[in-house]
Amino acid sequence: MHCDIHYTLHRHRTAELMAVAARLRPRRPALRHRAGWLMVDLGLRLVQSRPAPACSARTA
């Protein structure tokens, strides 16, 4: 097969596959993904709102 024809067929097939992948891609993040980031956000807020300890532990 001539290399130009092979390249043209490859580009066409790639465009088809990318179109199919774009249609199958989810529009919004999955519930598990969103819940995970919600927990990270909540954890960061809890850490920032915690008061500083009166005295810090000392090691010898």
PDB file of N, CA and C in Angstrom:
ATOM      1  N   MET A   1       0.850  -1.166   0.000  1.00  0.00           N
ATOM      2  CA  MET A   1       0.000   0.000   0.000  1.00  0.00           C
ATOM      3  C   MET A   1       0.901   1.235   0.000  1.00  0.00           C
ATOM      4  N   HIS A   2       0.516   2.221  -0.746  1.00  0.00           N
ATOM      5  CA  HIS A   2       1.284   3.461  -0.825  1.00  0.00           C
ATOM      6  C   HIS A   2       1.204   4.195   0.512  1.00  0.00           C
ATOM      7  N   CYS A   3       2.296   4.822   0.937  1.00  0.00           N
ATOM      8  CA  CYS A   3       2.343   5.438   2.262  1.00  0.00           C
ATOM      9  C   CYS A   3       1.343   6.595   2.409  1.00  0.00           C
ATOM     10  N   ASP A   4       1.090   7.351   1.343  1.00  0.00           N
ATOM     11  CA  ASP A   4       0.124   8.450   1.440  1.00  0.00           C
ATOM     12  C   ASP A   4      -1.293   7.930   1.664  1.00  0.00           C
ATOM     13  N   ILE A   5      -1.638   6.839   1.007  1.00  0.00           N
ATOM     14  CA  ILE A   5      -2.964   6.254   1.185  1.00  0.00           C
ATOM     15  C   ILE A   5      -3.096   5.706   2.602  1.00  0.00           C
ATOM     16  N   HIS A   6      -2.047   5.053   3.079  1.00  0.00           N
ATOM     17  CA  HIS A   6      -2.053   4.500   4.433  1.00  0.00           C
ATOM     18  C   HIS A   6      -2.239   5.632   5.457  1.00  0.00           C
ATOM     19  N   TYR A   7      -1.542   6.721   5.291  1.00  0.00           N
ATOM     20  CA  TYR A   7      -1.637   7.867   6.200  1.00  0.00           C
ATOM     21  C   TYR A   7      -3.044   8.476   6.165  1.00  0.00           C
ATOM     22  N   THR A   8      -3.633   8.603   4.985  1.00  0.00           N
ATOM     23  CA  THR A   8      -4.975   9.160   4.845  1.00  0.00           C
ATOM     24  C   THR A   8      -6.006   8.271   5.542  1.00  0.00           C
ATOM     25  N   LEU A   9      -5.898   6.956   5.346  1.00  0.00           N
ATOM     26  CA  LEU A   9      -6.814   6.031   6.015  1.00  0.00           C
ATOM     27  C   LEU A   9      -6.643   6.082   7.532  1.00  0.00           C
ATOM     28  N   HIS A  10      -5.415   6.203   7.974  1.00  0.00           N
ATOM     29  CA  HIS A  10      -5.137   6.292   9.409  1.00  0.00           C
ATOM     30  C   HIS A  10      -5.768   7.554  10.000  1.00  0.00           C
ATOM     31  N   ARG A  11      -5.631   8.685   9.343  1.00  0.00           N
ATOM     32  CA  ARG A  11      -6.215   9.942   9.826  1.00  0.00           C
ATOM     33  C   ARG A  11      -7.732   9.852   9.887  1.00  0.00           C
ATOM     34  N   HIS A  12      -8.338   9.241   8.870  1.00  0.00           N
ATOM     35  CA  HIS A  12      -9.794   9.089   8.829  1.00  0.00           C
ATOM     36  C   HIS A  12     -10.277   8.214   9.984  1.00  0.00           C
ATOM     37  N   ARG A  13      -9.592   7.093  10.210  1.00  0.00           N
ATOM     38  CA  ARG A  13      -9.979   6.186  11.298  1.00  0.00           C
ATOM     39  C   ARG A  13      -9.787   6.868  12.660  1.00  0.00           C
ATOM     40  N   THR A  14      -8.732   7.626  12.809  1.00  0.00           N
ATOM     41  CA  THR A  14      -8.491   8.345  14.050  1.00  0.00           C
ATOM     42  C   THR A  14      -9.606   9.348  14.323  1.00  0.00           C
ATOM     43  N   ALA A  15     -10.031  10.061  13.307  1.00  0.00           N
ATOM     44  CA  ALA A  15     -11.124  11.025  13.469  1.00  0.00           C
ATOM     45  C   ALA A  15     -12.415  10.321  13.883  1.00  0.00           C
ATOM     46  N   GLU A  16     -12.679   9.157  13.301  1.00  0.00           N
ATOM     47  CA  GLU A  16     -13.877   8.392  13.677  1.00  0.00           C
ATOM     48  C   GLU A  16     -13.819   7.965  15.135  1.00  0.00           C
ATOM     49  N   LEU A  17     -12.671   7.446  15.552  1.00  0.00           N
ATOM     50  CA  LEU A  17     -12.532   6.974  16.928  1.00  0.00           C
ATOM     51  C   LEU A  17     -12.638   8.126  17.931  1.00  0.00           C
ATOM     52  N   MET A  18     -12.077   9.272  17.600  1.00  0.00           N
ATOM     53  CA  MET A  18     -12.165  10.425  18.494  1.00  0.00           C
ATOM     54  C   MET A  18     -13.607  10.915  18.618  1.00  0.00           C
ATOM     55  N   ALA A  19     -14.369  10.851  17.535  1.00  0.00           N
ATOM     56  CA  ALA A  19     -15.774  11.253  17.577  1.00  0.00           C
ATOM     57  C   ALA A  19     -16.582  10.303  18.466  1.00  0.00           C
ATOM     58  N   VAL A  20     -16.322   9.020  18.365  1.00  0.00           N
ATOM     59  CA  VAL A  20     -17.016   8.043  19.210  1.00  0.00           C
ATOM     60  C   VAL A  20     -16.647   8.262  20.671  1.00  0.00           C
ATOM     61  N   ALA A  21     -15.378   8.488  20.953  1.00  0.00           N
ATOM     62  CA  ALA A  21     -14.939   8.717  22.334  1.00  0.00           C
ATOM     63  C   ALA A  21     -15.560   9.984  22.907  1.00  0.00           C
ATOM     64  N   ALA A  22     -15.699  11.019  22.100  1.00  0.00           N
ATOM     65  CA  ALA A  22     -16.307  12.267  22.576  1.00  0.00           C
ATOM     66  C   ALA A  22     -17.780  12.056  22.923  1.00  0.00           C
ATOM     67  N   ARG A  23     -18.465  11.219  22.174  1.00  0.00           N
ATOM     68  CA  ARG A  23     -19.877  10.945  22.471  1.00  0.00           C
ATOM     69  C   ARG A  23     -20.035  10.119  23.738  1.00  0.00           C
ATOM     70  N   LEU A  24     -19.092   9.231  24.015  1.00  0.00           N
ATOM     71  CA  LEU A  24     -19.194   8.350  25.173  1.00  0.00           C
ATOM     72  C   LEU A  24     -18.649   8.975  26.445  1.00  0.00           C
ATOM     73  N   ARG A  25     -17.929  10.060  26.346  1.00  0.00           N
ATOM     74  CA  ARG A  25     -17.335  10.701  27.516  1.00  0.00           C
ATOM     75  C   ARG A  25     -18.430  11.285  28.403  1.00  0.00           C
ATOM     76  N   PRO A  26     -18.365  11.023  29.710  1.00  0.00           N
ATOM     77  CA  PRO A  26     -19.401  11.577  30.594  1.00  0.00           C
ATOM     78  C   PRO A  26     -19.334  13.100  30.633  1.00  0.00           C
ATOM     79  N   ARG A  27     -20.491  13.722  30.746  1.00  0.00           N
ATOM     80  CA  ARG A  27     -20.582  15.181  30.729  1.00  0.00           C
ATOM     81  C   ARG A  27     -20.135  15.803  32.046  1.00  0.00           C
ATOM     82  N   ARG A  28     -20.438  15.160  33.175  1.00  0.00           N
ATOM     83  CA  ARG A  28     -20.045  15.697  34.460  1.00  0.00           C
ATOM     84  C   ARG A  28     -19.343  14.607  35.256  1.00  0.00           C
ATOM     85  N   PRO A  29     -18.549  14.989  36.226  1.00  0.00           N
ATOM     86  CA  PRO A  29     -17.802  13.992  36.987  1.00  0.00           C
ATOM     87  C   PRO A  29     -18.729  13.000  37.699  1.00  0.00           C
ATOM     88  N   ALA A  30     -18.238  11.832  37.911  1.00  0.00           N
ATOM     89  CA  ALA A  30     -19.013  10.792  38.583  1.00  0.00           C
ATOM     90  C   ALA A  30     -19.274  11.176  40.040  1.00  0.00           C
ATOM     91  N   LEU A  31     -20.286  10.584  40.614  1.00  0.00           N
ATOM     92  CA  LEU A  31     -20.666  10.879  41.992  1.00  0.00           C
ATOM     93  C   LEU A  31     -19.520  10.576  42.953  1.00  0.00           C
ATOM     94  N   ARG A  32     -18.809   9.502  42.715  1.00  0.00           N
ATOM     95  CA  ARG A  32     -17.687   9.136  43.582  1.00  0.00           C
ATOM     96  C   ARG A  32     -16.602  10.206  43.546  1.00  0.00           C
ATOM     97  N   HIS A  33     -16.343  10.736  42.379  1.00  0.00           N
ATOM     98  CA  HIS A  33     -15.331  11.788  42.212  1.00  0.00           C
ATOM     99  C   HIS A  33     -15.741  13.053  42.956  1.00  0.00           C
ATOM    100  N   ARG A  34     -16.997  13.470  42.782  1.00  0.00           N
ATOM    101  CA  ARG A  34     -17.481  14.680  43.445  1.00  0.00           C
ATOM    102  C   ARG A  34     -17.510  14.498  44.959  1.00  0.00           C
ATOM    103  N   ALA A  35     -17.928  13.320  45.444  1.00  0.00           N
ATOM    104  CA  ALA A  35     -17.978  13.061  46.884  1.00  0.00           C
ATOM    105  C   ALA A  35     -16.570  13.088  47.482  1.00  0.00           C
ATOM    106  N   GLY A  36     -15.605  12.560  46.756  1.00  0.00           N
ATOM    107  CA  GLY A  36     -14.222  12.580  47.239  1.00  0.00           C
ATOM    108  C   GLY A  36     -13.713  13.999  47.414  1.00  0.00           C
ATOM    109  N   TRP A  37     -13.947  14.857  46.437  1.00  0.00           N
ATOM    110  CA  TRP A  37     -13.490  16.247  46.550  1.00  0.00           C
ATOM    111  C   TRP A  37     -14.254  17.001  47.626  1.00  0.00           C
ATOM    112  N   LEU A  38     -15.522  16.648  47.848  1.00  0.00           N
ATOM    113  CA  LEU A  38     -16.292  17.264  48.921  1.00  0.00           C
ATOM    114  C   LEU A  38     -15.683  16.924  50.278  1.00  0.00           C
ATOM    115  N   MET A  39     -15.262  15.667  50.454  1.00  0.00           N
ATOM    116  CA  MET A  39     -14.633  15.268  51.715  1.00  0.00           C
ATOM    117  C   MET A  39     -13.284  15.961  51.902  1.00  0.00           C
ATOM    118  N   VAL A  40     -12.516  16.118  50.842  1.00  0.00           N
ATOM    119  CA  VAL A  40     -11.246  16.829  50.936  1.00  0.00           C
ATOM    120  C   VAL A  40     -11.491  18.272  51.353  1.00  0.00           C
ATOM    121  N   ASP A  41     -12.462  18.915  50.738  1.00  0.00           N
ATOM    122  CA  ASP A  41     -12.786  20.296  51.074  1.00  0.00           C
ATOM    123  C   ASP A  41     -13.228  20.415  52.531  1.00  0.00           C
ATOM    124  N   LEU A  42     -14.077  19.511  52.978  1.00  0.00           N
ATOM    125  CA  LEU A  42     -14.544  19.531  54.356  1.00  0.00           C
ATOM    126  C   LEU A  42     -13.383  19.315  55.332  1.00  0.00           C
ATOM    127  N   GLY A  43     -12.510  18.382  55.015  1.00  0.00           N
ATOM    128  CA  GLY A  43     -11.346  18.128  55.875  1.00  0.00           C
ATOM    129  C   GLY A  43     -10.442  19.346  55.983  1.00  0.00           C
ATOM    130  N   LEU A  44     -10.221  20.034  54.874  1.00  0.00           N
ATOM    131  CA  LEU A  44      -9.384  21.235  54.914  1.00  0.00           C
ATOM    132  C   LEU A  44     -10.031  22.334  55.740  1.00  0.00           C
ATOM    133  N   ARG A  45     -11.331  22.458  55.656  1.00  0.00           N
ATOM    134  CA  ARG A  45     -12.027  23.471  56.465  1.00  0.00           C
ATOM    135  C   ARG A  45     -11.936  23.147  57.947  1.00  0.00           C
ATOM    136  N   LEU A  46     -12.060  21.859  58.295  1.00  0.00           N
ATOM    137  CA  LEU A  46     -11.963  21.461  59.698  1.00  0.00           C
ATOM    138  C   LEU A  46     -10.561  21.710  60.245  1.00  0.00           C
ATOM    139  N   VAL A  47      -9.558  21.436  59.469  1.00  0.00           N
ATOM    140  CA  VAL A  47      -8.182  21.640  59.921  1.00  0.00           C
ATOM    141  C   VAL A  47      -7.907  23.122  60.119  1.00  0.00           C
ATOM    142  N   GLN A  48      -8.405  23.964  59.247  1.00  0.00           N
ATOM    143  CA  GLN A  48      -8.152  25.392  59.353  1.00  0.00           C
ATOM    144  C   GLN A  48      -8.919  26.017  60.508  1.00  0.00           C
ATOM    145  N   SER A  49     -10.069  25.477  60.867  1.00  0.00           N
ATOM    146  CA  SER A  49     -10.880  26.080  61.919  1.00  0.00           C
ATOM    147  C   SER A  49     -10.494  25.588  63.313  1.00  0.00           C
ATOM    148  N   ARG A  50      -9.622  24.592  63.411  1.00  0.00           N
ATOM    149  CA  ARG A  50      -9.219  24.055  64.703  1.00  0.00           C
ATOM    150  C   ARG A  50      -8.321  25.072  65.410  1.00  0.00           C
ATOM    151  N   PRO A  51      -8.586  25.368  66.703  1.00  0.00           N
ATOM    152  CA  PRO A  51      -7.743  26.319  67.423  1.00  0.00           C
ATOM    153  C   PRO A  51      -6.341  25.741  67.669  1.00  0.00           C
ATOM    154  N   ALA A  52      -5.364  26.607  67.781  1.00  0.00           N
ATOM    155  CA  ALA A  52      -3.986  26.184  68.023  1.00  0.00           C
ATOM    156  C   ALA A  52      -3.875  25.644  69.437  1.00  0.00           C
ATOM    157  N   PRO A  53      -3.040  24.638  69.653  1.00  0.00           N
ATOM    158  CA  PRO A  53      -2.870  24.095  71.005  1.00  0.00           C
ATOM    159  C   PRO A  53      -2.220  25.128  71.925  1.00  0.00           C
ATOM    160  N   ALA A  54      -2.565  25.070  73.218  1.00  0.00           N
ATOM    161  CA  ALA A  54      -2.026  26.014  74.198  1.00  0.00           C
ATOM    162  C   ALA A  54      -0.519  25.877  74.325  1.00  0.00           C
ATOM    163  N   CYS A  55      -0.041  24.669  74.365  1.00  0.00           N
ATOM    164  CA  CYS A  55       1.412  24.441  74.396  1.00  0.00           C
ATOM    165  C   CYS A  55       1.724  23.249  73.507  1.00  0.00           C
ATOM    166  N   SER A  56       2.854  23.289  72.922  1.00  0.00           N
ATOM    167  CA  SER A  56       3.212  22.209  72.020  1.00  0.00           C
ATOM    168  C   SER A  56       4.034  21.170  72.768  1.00  0.00           C
ATOM    169  N   ALA A  57       3.965  19.943  72.335  1.00  0.00           N
ATOM    170  CA  ALA A  57       4.730  18.861  72.950  1.00  0.00           C
ATOM    171  C   ALA A  57       6.207  19.054  72.647  1.00  0.00           C
ATOM    172  N   ARG A  58       7.022  18.794  73.639  1.00  0.00           N
ATOM    173  CA  ARG A  58       8.481  18.956  73.477  1.00  0.00           C
ATOM    174  C   ARG A  58       9.142  17.600  73.560  1.00  0.00           C
ATOM    175  N   THR A  59      10.155  17.432  72.798  1.00  0.00           N
ATOM    176  CA  THR A  59      10.930  16.198  72.862  1.00  0.00           C
ATOM    177  C   THR A  59      12.288  16.507  73.446  1.00  0.00           C
ATOM    178  N   ALA A  60      12.913  15.505  74.012  1.00  0.00           N
ATOM    179  CA  ALA A  60      14.202  15.713  74.679  1.00  0.00           C
ATOM    180  C   ALA A  60      15.302  15.993  73.726  1.00  0.00           C
TER     181      ALA A  60
END
